[in-house]
């Protein structure tokens, strides 16, 4: 394991805070109301490097999907420790947000303490939530009441039949696109803004109220080819951020739901939400998605974890196996994969800082 990767949330947090202080930052902790599996404090930690009145700011965030935080935390710590902080353009500030979803990170879940997927939680809750007819049709197959080899075979057959009729992308959209009426199901967007959404809104509005140019890199794992970084740009056609991203990062930026992307189109994502709370700034927001396991392996790991927390016994042998497989679906125990991830991610961070340094 690379020195920047960690085995637990607590270890990752300690490494990040140490690296941030060494780099000259004074981290601030937004303490979560709940505790971790060993009784440890959970928090979204924030570190700022650079001038307080900077017009251009790079934001790096990790663990929007808790268990995916092993990747994002490693990138943030590596950037702080291995020269990235020292190479920061003088006029550009960097805001590091460590563990957007600390509860999911600590408890090895994609979702938060309320089973909410934070990347589906940024909808306007004053309006009726989006509909996902495909999920409603497949609900019992996606989230069965028991978890056995027989159940897995039966439900996979039902899901494959849906894919035969609607296509693989149709199935992926039904399962992962987001749903707002099954609180115990997968990819659930919630019924109101979560603790994490409220904290992130507060951080962005308080820290970036002076900024005119903001780039956001949000680190994710789980979709796409093994070790390969997909740069996902959740922007509508014609949005100026598309041209900026092409100029800064080159060709190959993908849009959720497009044929070029491993991601289905989603509603309520955090990057679109972040741009909305920064109307005074020019925002270029991108999710960096690193492939780990095949799609079905990842989806079955998520489905099993959903079953475990709804119907299973967390500390049983089956529960431990499910947690081991879930972590493996989002963080490979492989030095080559870790090296691929860090190399690509740190290069993209440099490109973002260079792009911001050239803004007027």
Protein backbone atom coordinates (compact mmCIF):
# COMPACT_ATOMS: atom_id res chain seq x y z
CA UNK A 1 0.00 0.00 0.00
CA UNK A 2 1.25 3.48 -0.88
CA UNK A 3 2.10 5.60 2.16
CA UNK A 4 -0.71 7.97 1.23
CA UNK A 5 -3.43 5.32 1.22
CA UNK A 6 -5.03 4.23 4.48
CA UNK A 7 -6.79 1.20 5.91
CA UNK A 8 -9.41 3.17 7.87
CA UNK A 9 -11.11 6.54 7.92
CA UNK A 10 -9.35 7.44 11.18
CA UNK A 11 -5.95 6.69 9.64
CA UNK A 12 -6.82 8.70 6.52
CA UNK A 13 -7.97 11.66 8.59
CA UNK A 14 -4.81 11.65 10.71
CA UNK A 15 -2.59 11.57 7.61
CA UNK A 16 -4.53 14.40 5.97
CA UNK A 17 -4.44 16.65 9.05
CA UNK A 18 -0.72 16.06 9.55
CA UNK A 19 0.03 16.80 5.90
CA UNK A 20 -2.14 19.93 5.92
CA UNK A 21 -0.37 21.34 8.96
CA UNK A 22 3.06 20.56 7.51
CA UNK A 23 2.05 22.46 4.37
CA UNK A 24 1.18 25.52 6.45
CA UNK A 25 -2.61 25.17 6.67
CA UNK A 26 -4.68 25.48 9.85
CA UNK A 27 -7.42 22.86 9.36
CA UNK A 28 -10.97 23.41 10.56
CA UNK A 29 -13.14 20.48 11.65
CA UNK A 30 -16.89 20.35 11.02
CA UNK A 31 -17.71 17.63 13.53
CA UNK A 32 -20.41 15.13 12.62
CA UNK A 33 -23.08 14.43 15.28
CA UNK A 34 -22.45 10.65 15.15
CA UNK A 35 -19.37 8.56 15.87
CA UNK A 36 -17.37 5.98 13.96
CA UNK A 37 -17.29 2.18 14.46
CA UNK A 38 -14.56 2.46 17.12
CA UNK A 39 -16.21 5.45 18.79
CA UNK A 40 -13.91 7.86 16.93
CA UNK A 41 -14.86 11.42 16.07
CA UNK A 42 -16.14 11.95 12.56
CA UNK A 43 -15.67 15.25 10.75
CA UNK A 44 -15.48 17.02 7.44
CA UNK A 45 -12.08 18.70 7.69
CA UNK A 46 -11.18 21.79 5.70
CA UNK A 47 -7.74 23.18 4.86
CA UNK A 48 -6.96 26.42 3.00
CA UNK A 49 -3.65 27.27 1.35
CA UNK A 50 -2.96 30.60 -0.31
CA UNK A 51 -4.18 34.18 -0.04
CA UNK A 52 -7.46 34.62 1.80
CA UNK A 53 -8.73 37.06 -0.81
CA UNK A 54 -7.74 34.94 -3.82
CA UNK A 55 -9.83 35.52 -6.94
CA UNK A 56 -9.02 32.03 -8.23
CA UNK A 57 -9.50 28.93 -6.06
CA UNK A 58 -9.09 25.20 -6.67
CA UNK A 59 -11.35 23.00 -4.53
CA UNK A 60 -10.43 19.34 -4.00
CA UNK A 61 -13.06 17.21 -2.25
CA UNK A 62 -13.06 13.58 -1.16
CA UNK A 63 -15.52 10.95 0.10
CA UNK A 64 -18.74 12.32 -1.31
CA UNK A 65 -19.45 8.59 -1.53
CA UNK A 66 -17.94 7.56 1.81
CA UNK A 67 -16.06 4.35 1.00
CA UNK A 68 -14.64 6.02 -2.12
CA UNK A 69 -12.75 8.35 0.22
CA UNK A 70 -9.69 6.10 0.37
CA UNK A 71 -8.87 7.36 -3.12
CA UNK A 72 -9.67 11.04 -2.66
CA UNK A 73 -7.98 11.26 0.72
CA UNK A 74 -4.81 9.69 -0.71
CA UNK A 75 -4.76 12.23 -3.54
CA UNK A 76 -5.25 15.15 -1.16
CA UNK A 77 -2.52 13.92 1.19
CA UNK A 78 -0.13 13.18 -1.68
CA UNK A 79 -0.71 16.65 -3.13
CA UNK A 80 0.13 18.20 0.24
CA UNK A 81 3.16 15.97 0.92
CA UNK A 82 4.78 15.44 -2.47
CA UNK A 83 5.28 18.95 -3.83
CA UNK A 84 1.87 19.97 -5.11
CA UNK A 85 1.36 22.49 -2.34
CA UNK A 86 4.82 23.99 -2.90
CA UNK A 87 4.13 24.37 -6.64
CA UNK A 88 0.83 26.21 -6.15
CA UNK A 89 0.76 29.45 -8.18
CA UNK A 90 1.12 32.32 -5.72
CA UNK A 91 -2.14 34.04 -6.67
CA UNK A 92 -4.26 30.87 -6.62
CA UNK A 93 -5.67 29.43 -3.37
CA UNK A 94 -6.53 25.79 -2.72
CA UNK A 95 -9.43 24.63 -0.58
CA UNK A 96 -9.23 20.98 0.46
CA UNK A 97 -12.42 19.37 1.79
CA UNK A 98 -11.60 16.03 3.39
CA UNK A 99 -14.43 13.53 3.89
CA UNK A 100 -17.61 15.17 2.62
CA UNK A 101 -19.36 12.05 3.96
CA UNK A 102 -17.30 11.04 7.02
CA UNK A 103 -19.94 8.63 8.32
CA UNK A 104 -19.96 6.58 5.12
CA UNK A 105 -16.16 6.71 4.97
CA UNK A 106 -15.77 5.36 8.51
CA UNK A 107 -18.52 2.74 8.28
CA UNK A 108 -17.56 1.59 4.74
CA UNK A 109 -20.72 2.74 2.96
CA UNK A 110 -21.26 4.82 -0.18
CA UNK A 111 -24.23 6.47 1.49
CA UNK A 112 -24.52 8.59 4.61
CA UNK A 113 -26.03 7.83 8.01
CA UNK A 114 -29.55 8.10 6.54
CA UNK A 115 -28.84 5.84 3.54
CA UNK A 116 -28.73 8.94 1.32
CA UNK A 117 -26.48 9.11 -1.73
CA UNK A 118 -25.04 12.63 -1.43
CA UNK A 119 -24.64 12.82 -5.20
CA UNK A 120 -28.42 12.59 -5.56
CA UNK A 121 -29.28 14.93 -2.65
CA UNK A 122 -28.81 18.31 -4.35
CA UNK A 123 -32.27 18.57 -5.88
CA UNK A 124 -34.74 21.37 -5.13
CA UNK A 125 -36.83 19.85 -2.33
CA UNK A 126 -39.47 22.56 -2.64
CA UNK A 127 -40.57 20.81 -5.84
CA UNK A 128 -41.78 17.26 -6.44
CA UNK A 129 -38.76 14.91 -6.71
CA UNK A 130 -37.76 13.37 -10.04
CA UNK A 131 -39.39 10.11 -11.05
CA UNK A 132 -37.50 6.90 -11.86
CA UNK A 133 -40.02 4.45 -13.28
CA UNK A 134 -37.30 1.89 -14.02
CA UNK A 135 -36.26 1.74 -10.38
CA UNK A 136 -39.87 1.44 -9.25
CA UNK A 137 -40.33 -1.52 -11.59
CA UNK A 138 -37.12 -3.24 -10.44
CA UNK A 139 -37.20 -2.26 -6.76
CA UNK A 140 -37.64 -5.77 -5.33
CA UNK A 141 -35.00 -7.21 -7.66
CA UNK A 142 -32.50 -4.47 -6.86
CA UNK A 143 -33.00 -4.64 -3.09
CA UNK A 144 -34.30 -8.13 -2.15
CA UNK A 145 -35.28 -9.09 1.40
CA UNK A 146 -32.80 -11.96 1.59
CA UNK A 147 -29.28 -12.37 0.26
CA UNK A 148 -28.30 -15.81 -0.95
CA UNK A 149 -26.88 -17.44 -4.06
CA UNK A 150 -30.41 -18.35 -5.16
CA UNK A 151 -31.67 -14.80 -4.64
CA UNK A 152 -28.67 -13.34 -6.44
CA UNK A 153 -29.25 -15.62 -9.45
CA UNK A 154 -32.99 -14.86 -9.56
CA UNK A 155 -32.63 -11.09 -9.24
CA UNK A 156 -29.76 -10.90 -11.73
CA UNK A 157 -31.99 -12.73 -14.22
CA UNK A 158 -34.71 -10.12 -13.67
CA UNK A 159 -32.24 -7.29 -14.13
CA UNK A 160 -30.81 -8.90 -17.27
CA UNK A 161 -34.32 -9.26 -18.69
CA UNK A 162 -34.86 -5.54 -18.14
CA UNK A 163 -31.54 -4.83 -19.90
CA UNK A 164 -32.59 -6.99 -22.83
CA UNK A 165 -35.65 -4.79 -23.27
CA UNK A 166 -34.22 -1.38 -22.38
CA UNK A 167 -30.50 -1.80 -23.08
CA UNK A 168 -27.58 -1.90 -20.66
CA UNK A 169 -27.63 1.89 -20.30
CA UNK A 170 -31.35 1.75 -19.57
CA UNK A 171 -30.71 -0.70 -16.76
CA UNK A 172 -27.84 1.37 -15.39
CA UNK A 173 -30.01 4.49 -15.40
CA UNK A 174 -32.82 2.65 -13.60
CA UNK A 175 -30.48 1.36 -10.87
CA UNK A 176 -28.01 4.24 -10.46
CA UNK A 177 -29.70 7.35 -11.84
CA UNK A 178 -31.26 8.18 -8.48
CA UNK A 179 -34.58 7.61 -6.74
CA UNK A 180 -36.43 9.53 -4.04
CA UNK A 181 -39.24 7.26 -2.83
CA UNK A 182 -37.44 4.19 -1.38
CA UNK A 183 -35.55 5.30 1.76
CA UNK A 184 -34.03 1.84 2.25
CA UNK A 185 -33.02 1.37 -1.37
CA UNK A 186 -29.89 2.10 -3.38
CA UNK A 187 -28.97 5.51 -4.85
CA UNK A 188 -31.60 7.18 -2.65
CA UNK A 189 -31.59 10.99 -2.83
CA UNK A 190 -33.34 11.73 0.46
CA UNK A 191 -36.29 13.93 1.37
CA UNK A 192 -34.39 17.04 2.48
CA UNK A 193 -30.85 18.46 2.47
CA UNK A 194 -28.55 16.22 4.50
CA UNK A 195 -26.05 17.27 7.17
CA UNK A 196 -23.28 16.94 4.60
CA UNK A 197 -25.07 19.08 2.02
CA UNK A 198 -25.67 21.80 4.60
CA UNK A 199 -22.04 21.72 5.74
CA UNK A 200 -20.68 21.87 2.17
CA UNK A 201 -23.02 24.74 1.34
CA UNK A 202 -21.72 26.61 4.37
CA UNK A 203 -18.07 25.91 3.53
CA UNK A 204 -18.39 27.02 -0.09
CA UNK A 205 -20.38 30.18 0.62
CA UNK A 206 -18.17 31.28 3.51
CA UNK A 207 -14.80 30.42 1.98
CA UNK A 208 -15.45 31.37 -1.66
CA UNK A 209 -17.54 34.52 -1.43
CA UNK A 210 -14.61 36.57 -2.82
CA UNK A 211 -13.66 34.15 -5.58
CA UNK A 212 -14.38 34.91 -9.22
CA UNK A 213 -12.91 31.73 -10.72
CA UNK A 214 -13.44 28.36 -9.04
CA UNK A 215 -12.41 24.88 -10.18
CA UNK A 216 -13.77 21.86 -8.30
CA UNK A 217 -12.25 18.38 -8.50
CA UNK A 218 -14.35 15.75 -6.71
CA UNK A 219 -12.66 12.33 -6.44
CA UNK A 220 -14.65 9.14 -7.07
CA UNK A 221 -14.05 5.45 -7.74
CA UNK A 222 -16.11 2.54 -9.00
CA UNK A 223 -16.94 3.13 -12.66
CA UNK A 224 -14.94 2.58 -15.82
CA UNK A 225 -11.81 0.71 -16.84
CA UNK A 226 -9.41 -0.49 -14.17
CA UNK A 227 -7.10 2.30 -13.05
CA UNK A 228 -8.31 4.68 -15.75
CA UNK A 229 -9.52 8.18 -14.84
CA UNK A 230 -12.67 9.42 -16.53
CA UNK A 231 -13.08 13.18 -16.31
CA UNK A 232 -16.82 13.70 -15.88
CA UNK A 233 -18.18 17.17 -16.54
CA UNK A 234 -21.80 17.60 -15.36
CA UNK A 235 -22.55 20.55 -17.61
CA UNK A 236 -25.36 21.17 -20.08
CA UNK A 237 -24.53 21.80 -23.77
CA UNK A 238 -23.32 25.33 -24.35
CA UNK A 239 -22.13 25.85 -20.79
CA UNK A 240 -18.86 27.87 -20.87
CA UNK A 241 -17.22 25.42 -18.47
CA UNK A 242 -17.10 22.85 -21.29
CA UNK A 243 -14.73 25.01 -23.33
CA UNK A 244 -12.65 25.86 -20.26
CA UNK A 245 -12.30 22.18 -19.34
CA UNK A 246 -11.22 21.35 -22.89
CA UNK A 247 -8.61 24.11 -22.78
CA UNK A 248 -7.28 23.07 -19.37
CA UNK A 249 -7.46 19.27 -19.55
CA UNK A 250 -7.59 18.48 -23.27
CA UNK A 251 -10.05 16.30 -25.14
CA UNK A 252 -11.81 13.37 -23.52
CA UNK A 253 -13.99 15.10 -20.94
CA UNK A 254 -17.20 13.07 -20.68
CA UNK A 255 -20.76 14.04 -19.84
CA UNK A 256 -22.93 11.78 -17.62
CA UNK A 257 -25.32 9.70 -19.67
CA UNK A 258 -23.37 10.08 -22.90
CA UNK A 259 -22.01 7.12 -24.82
CA UNK A 260 -18.49 8.24 -23.91
CA UNK A 261 -19.15 8.08 -20.16
CA UNK A 262 -19.25 5.15 -17.76
CA UNK A 263 -21.75 7.14 -15.69
CA UNK A 264 -25.48 7.28 -16.20
CA UNK A 265 -27.17 10.66 -16.19
CA UNK A 266 -28.00 11.60 -12.61
CA UNK A 267 -30.07 14.28 -10.93
CA UNK A 268 -29.15 16.05 -7.72
CA UNK A 269 -25.37 15.77 -8.11
CA UNK A 270 -23.16 17.79 -5.80
CA UNK A 271 -21.13 19.56 -8.49
CA UNK A 272 -24.18 21.06 -10.17
CA UNK A 273 -25.37 21.99 -6.68
CA UNK A 274 -22.06 23.62 -5.82
CA UNK A 275 -22.19 25.77 -8.95
CA UNK A 276 -25.66 26.95 -7.92
CA UNK A 277 -24.46 28.16 -4.51
CA UNK A 278 -21.63 30.14 -6.17
CA UNK A 279 -23.59 32.31 -8.65
CA UNK A 280 -21.00 35.09 -8.43
CA UNK A 281 -18.17 32.86 -9.67
CA UNK A 282 -17.14 31.20 -12.92
CA UNK A 283 -17.24 27.53 -11.89
CA UNK A 284 -15.51 24.64 -13.67
CA UNK A 285 -16.57 21.49 -11.81
CA UNK A 286 -15.41 17.97 -12.60
CA UNK A 287 -15.74 14.53 -11.05
CA UNK A 288 -12.68 12.33 -11.45
CA UNK A 289 -13.90 8.71 -11.65
CA UNK A 290 -11.36 5.89 -11.38
CA UNK A 291 -12.31 2.39 -12.47
CA UNK A 292 -11.84 -0.49 -10.06
CA UNK A 293 -14.11 -3.52 -10.62
CA UNK A 294 -16.49 -4.55 -13.42
CA UNK A 295 -19.86 -2.78 -13.30
CA UNK A 296 -21.84 -5.82 -12.12
CA UNK A 297 -19.32 -6.53 -9.37
CA UNK A 298 -19.66 -2.97 -8.11
CA UNK A 299 -23.47 -2.95 -8.33
CA UNK A 300 -23.77 -6.27 -6.53
CA UNK A 301 -21.46 -5.00 -3.79
CA UNK A 302 -23.69 -1.95 -3.35
CA UNK A 303 -26.85 -4.08 -3.40
CA UNK A 304 -25.41 -6.46 -0.80
CA UNK A 305 -24.44 -3.57 1.47
CA UNK A 306 -27.94 -2.12 1.16
CA UNK A 307 -29.42 -5.51 2.13
CA UNK A 308 -26.98 -5.82 5.05
CA UNK A 309 -27.98 -2.52 6.62
CA UNK A 310 -31.69 -3.13 6.04
CA UNK A 311 -32.16 -6.84 6.74
CA UNK A 312 -28.82 -8.36 7.76
CA UNK A 313 -26.52 -8.54 10.79
CA UNK A 314 -23.65 -6.08 10.45
CA UNK A 315 -21.16 -8.04 12.58
CA UNK A 316 -21.96 -11.50 11.21
CA UNK A 317 -19.49 -13.41 9.04
CA UNK A 318 -21.63 -12.60 6.00
CA UNK A 319 -21.66 -8.96 7.04
CA UNK A 320 -17.87 -8.89 7.24
CA UNK A 321 -17.61 -10.53 3.82
CA UNK A 322 -19.98 -7.98 2.31
CA UNK A 323 -17.95 -5.09 3.76
CA UNK A 324 -14.71 -6.58 2.44
CA UNK A 325 -16.17 -6.91 -1.05
CA UNK A 326 -17.65 -3.42 -0.95
CA UNK A 327 -14.31 -1.84 -0.12
CA UNK A 328 -12.59 -3.92 -2.81
CA UNK A 329 -15.11 -2.66 -5.39
CA UNK A 330 -14.07 0.94 -4.69
CA UNK A 331 -10.41 0.72 -3.68
CA UNK A 332 -8.07 -1.85 -5.21
CA UNK A 333 -5.41 -3.37 -2.98
CA UNK A 334 -2.85 -3.02 -5.74
CA UNK A 335 0.24 -0.82 -5.86
CA UNK A 336 -0.06 -0.47 -9.65
CA UNK A 337 -3.66 0.79 -9.35
CA UNK A 338 -2.65 3.21 -6.60
CA UNK A 339 0.20 4.52 -8.73
CA UNK A 340 -2.05 4.96 -11.77
CA UNK A 341 -4.59 6.82 -9.66
CA UNK A 342 -2.13 9.17 -7.99
CA UNK A 343 -0.24 9.90 -11.20
CA UNK A 344 -3.36 10.85 -13.15
CA UNK A 345 -5.01 12.75 -10.32
CA UNK A 346 -1.98 14.86 -9.43
CA UNK A 347 -1.44 15.71 -13.10
CA UNK A 348 -5.04 16.91 -13.36
CA UNK A 349 -4.56 19.01 -10.21
CA UNK A 350 -1.55 20.70 -11.85
CA UNK A 351 -3.57 21.36 -15.01
CA UNK A 352 -6.39 22.92 -12.98
CA UNK A 353 -3.99 25.19 -11.10
CA UNK A 354 -2.34 26.25 -14.36
CA UNK A 355 -5.72 27.01 -15.90
CA UNK A 356 -6.80 29.05 -12.90
CA UNK A 357 -3.52 30.99 -12.86
CA UNK A 358 -4.28 32.24 -16.38
CA UNK A 359 -7.77 33.57 -15.61
CA UNK A 360 -7.98 37.37 -15.70
